[in-house]
Amino acid sequence: MFKSLFAAAAALSMSAGAAVAGPYVNVETNASWAGDDYVGALTDLHVGFEGEAGVAAWYVQGGPAILAIDGAENETRYSGKVGVGLPVSEAVDIYAELSAVTATDEFEMDDLSVGGKLGVKYTF
């Protein structure tokens, strides 16, 4: 997966009119609770690249992810994200993100958990 993420970044950076900035480091923790009970957290330790292709902004990032489930030993997984944003008008942008994380500390396509995000941002 990470080879394809970096290949996508390389392809975008070589396309006509594309600008690339990076690398950057992004550390992000997503924690969850069920009622008052803390369930656990996933902390991404990503290295990424971002840039522009025409009017669109894009990014690609990946690296290890630390899974900390309450009451269990921490586990290392691998995760990555790709995203794009596109202005629709001066006040409206649309964006999309595709993310994936392995189910174990070994990378196997059958054990890949994939998620997506679509959104609209309106600026006042």
Protein backbone atom coordinates (compact mmCIF):
# COMPACT_ATOMS: atom_id res chain seq x y z
CA MET A 1 0.00 0.00 0.00
CA PHE A 2 2.71 2.46 0.94
CA LYS A 3 4.54 1.85 -2.32
CA SER A 4 1.37 2.79 -4.18
CA LEU A 5 0.86 5.88 -1.99
CA PHE A 6 4.34 7.12 -2.73
CA ALA A 7 3.97 6.22 -6.40
CA ALA A 8 0.81 8.33 -6.51
CA ALA A 9 2.67 11.23 -4.91
CA ALA A 10 5.48 10.90 -7.42
CA ALA A 11 3.04 10.77 -10.34
CA LEU A 12 1.21 13.86 -9.11
CA SER A 13 4.46 15.73 -8.61
CA MET A 14 5.57 15.02 -12.18
CA SER A 15 2.28 15.93 -13.85
CA ALA A 16 2.00 19.22 -15.70
CA GLY A 17 1.42 22.19 -13.43
CA ALA A 18 1.89 20.23 -10.22
CA ALA A 19 3.75 21.69 -7.25
CA VAL A 20 5.02 19.53 -4.39
CA ALA A 21 5.86 20.59 -0.85
CA GLY A 22 7.25 18.31 1.76
CA PRO A 23 8.03 16.10 3.30
CA TYR A 24 6.06 16.81 6.47
CA VAL A 25 5.32 14.87 9.66
CA ASN A 26 1.76 14.43 10.89
CA VAL A 27 1.06 12.86 14.30
CA GLU A 28 -2.64 12.29 14.93
CA THR A 29 -4.50 10.41 17.67
CA ASN A 30 -8.08 9.24 17.32
CA ALA A 31 -9.54 8.07 20.64
CA SER A 32 -12.93 6.54 21.38
CA TRP A 33 -15.29 6.13 24.30
CA ALA A 34 -18.45 4.04 24.80
CA GLY A 35 -20.47 6.14 27.20
CA ASP A 36 -18.10 6.93 30.08
CA ASP A 37 -15.74 4.04 29.24
CA TYR A 38 -12.51 4.75 27.39
CA VAL A 39 -12.12 2.11 24.66
CA GLY A 40 -8.77 2.95 23.09
CA ALA A 41 -6.85 5.08 20.61
CA LEU A 42 -5.00 4.82 17.33
CA THR A 43 -2.02 7.16 16.92
CA ASP A 44 -0.71 7.69 13.38
CA LEU A 45 2.98 8.61 12.97
CA HIS A 46 2.97 9.68 9.33
CA VAL A 47 5.42 11.18 6.88
CA GLY A 48 3.78 12.81 3.90
CA PHE A 49 3.89 15.06 0.90
CA GLU A 50 1.41 17.67 -0.26
CA GLY A 51 1.06 19.80 -3.32
CA GLU A 52 -1.12 21.34 -5.97
CA ALA A 53 -2.21 20.14 -9.39
CA GLY A 54 -4.01 22.94 -11.15
CA VAL A 55 -6.53 24.33 -8.67
CA ALA A 56 -6.69 21.09 -6.63
CA ALA A 57 -4.66 20.54 -3.46
CA TRP A 58 -3.58 16.98 -2.60
CA TYR A 59 -1.66 15.05 0.03
CA VAL A 60 -0.36 11.53 0.60
CA GLN A 61 1.00 10.25 3.92
CA GLY A 62 1.73 6.99 5.69
CA GLY A 63 3.67 5.23 8.41
CA PRO A 64 3.27 3.24 11.60
CA ALA A 65 0.15 3.46 13.75
CA ILE A 66 0.12 2.59 17.45
CA LEU A 67 -3.08 0.86 18.58
CA ALA A 68 -3.68 1.32 22.31
CA ILE A 69 -6.75 -0.62 23.44
CA ASP A 70 -7.75 -0.10 27.07
CA GLY A 71 -6.46 -2.99 29.18
CA ALA A 72 -4.36 -4.55 26.39
CA GLU A 73 -0.77 -4.26 25.19
CA ASN A 74 -0.09 -1.68 22.51
CA GLU A 75 0.21 -2.98 18.95
CA THR A 76 1.92 -1.50 15.91
CA ARG A 77 -0.07 -1.33 12.69
CA TYR A 78 0.57 0.53 9.43
CA SER A 79 -1.67 3.24 8.04
CA GLY A 80 -1.88 5.72 5.22
CA LYS A 81 -4.07 8.47 3.79
CA VAL A 82 -4.55 10.21 0.47
CA GLY A 83 -6.70 13.26 0.02
CA VAL A 84 -7.69 15.99 -2.38
CA GLY A 85 -9.42 19.36 -2.03
CA LEU A 86 -11.00 21.39 -4.79
CA PRO A 87 -12.42 24.93 -4.69
CA VAL A 88 -15.94 25.19 -6.09
CA SER A 89 -16.21 28.95 -5.52
CA GLU A 90 -14.48 31.61 -3.40
CA ALA A 91 -16.43 30.43 -0.34
CA VAL A 92 -16.93 26.70 -1.00
CA ASP A 93 -14.38 23.86 -1.13
CA ILE A 94 -15.04 20.15 -1.48
CA TYR A 95 -12.66 17.51 -0.19
CA ALA A 96 -12.19 13.75 -0.10
CA GLU A 97 -9.91 11.43 1.87
CA LEU A 98 -9.23 7.71 1.61
CA SER A 99 -7.50 6.05 4.56
CA ALA A 100 -6.37 2.51 5.37
CA VAL A 101 -4.88 0.66 8.34
CA THR A 102 -3.64 -2.90 8.61
CA ALA A 103 -5.40 -5.31 10.97
CA THR A 104 -2.10 -6.77 12.22
CA ASP A 105 1.55 -5.76 12.38
CA GLU A 106 2.07 -7.45 9.00
CA PHE A 107 0.80 -5.94 5.78
CA GLU A 108 -1.74 -8.15 4.02
CA MET A 109 -4.36 -6.80 1.62
CA ASP A 110 -7.01 -9.18 3.03
CA ASP A 111 -6.61 -7.62 6.49
CA LEU A 112 -6.78 -3.99 5.35
CA SER A 113 -9.42 -1.74 6.92
CA VAL A 114 -10.35 1.10 4.55
CA GLY A 115 -12.33 4.27 5.25
CA GLY A 116 -13.39 7.31 3.31
CA LYS A 117 -14.41 10.88 3.98
CA LEU A 118 -16.22 13.42 1.79
CA GLY A 119 -16.96 16.96 2.84
CA VAL A 120 -17.88 20.49 1.95
CA LYS A 121 -16.27 23.51 3.63
CA TYR A 122 -18.05 26.86 3.53
CA THR A 123 -16.04 29.95 4.52
CA PHE A 124 -17.89 33.04 5.77
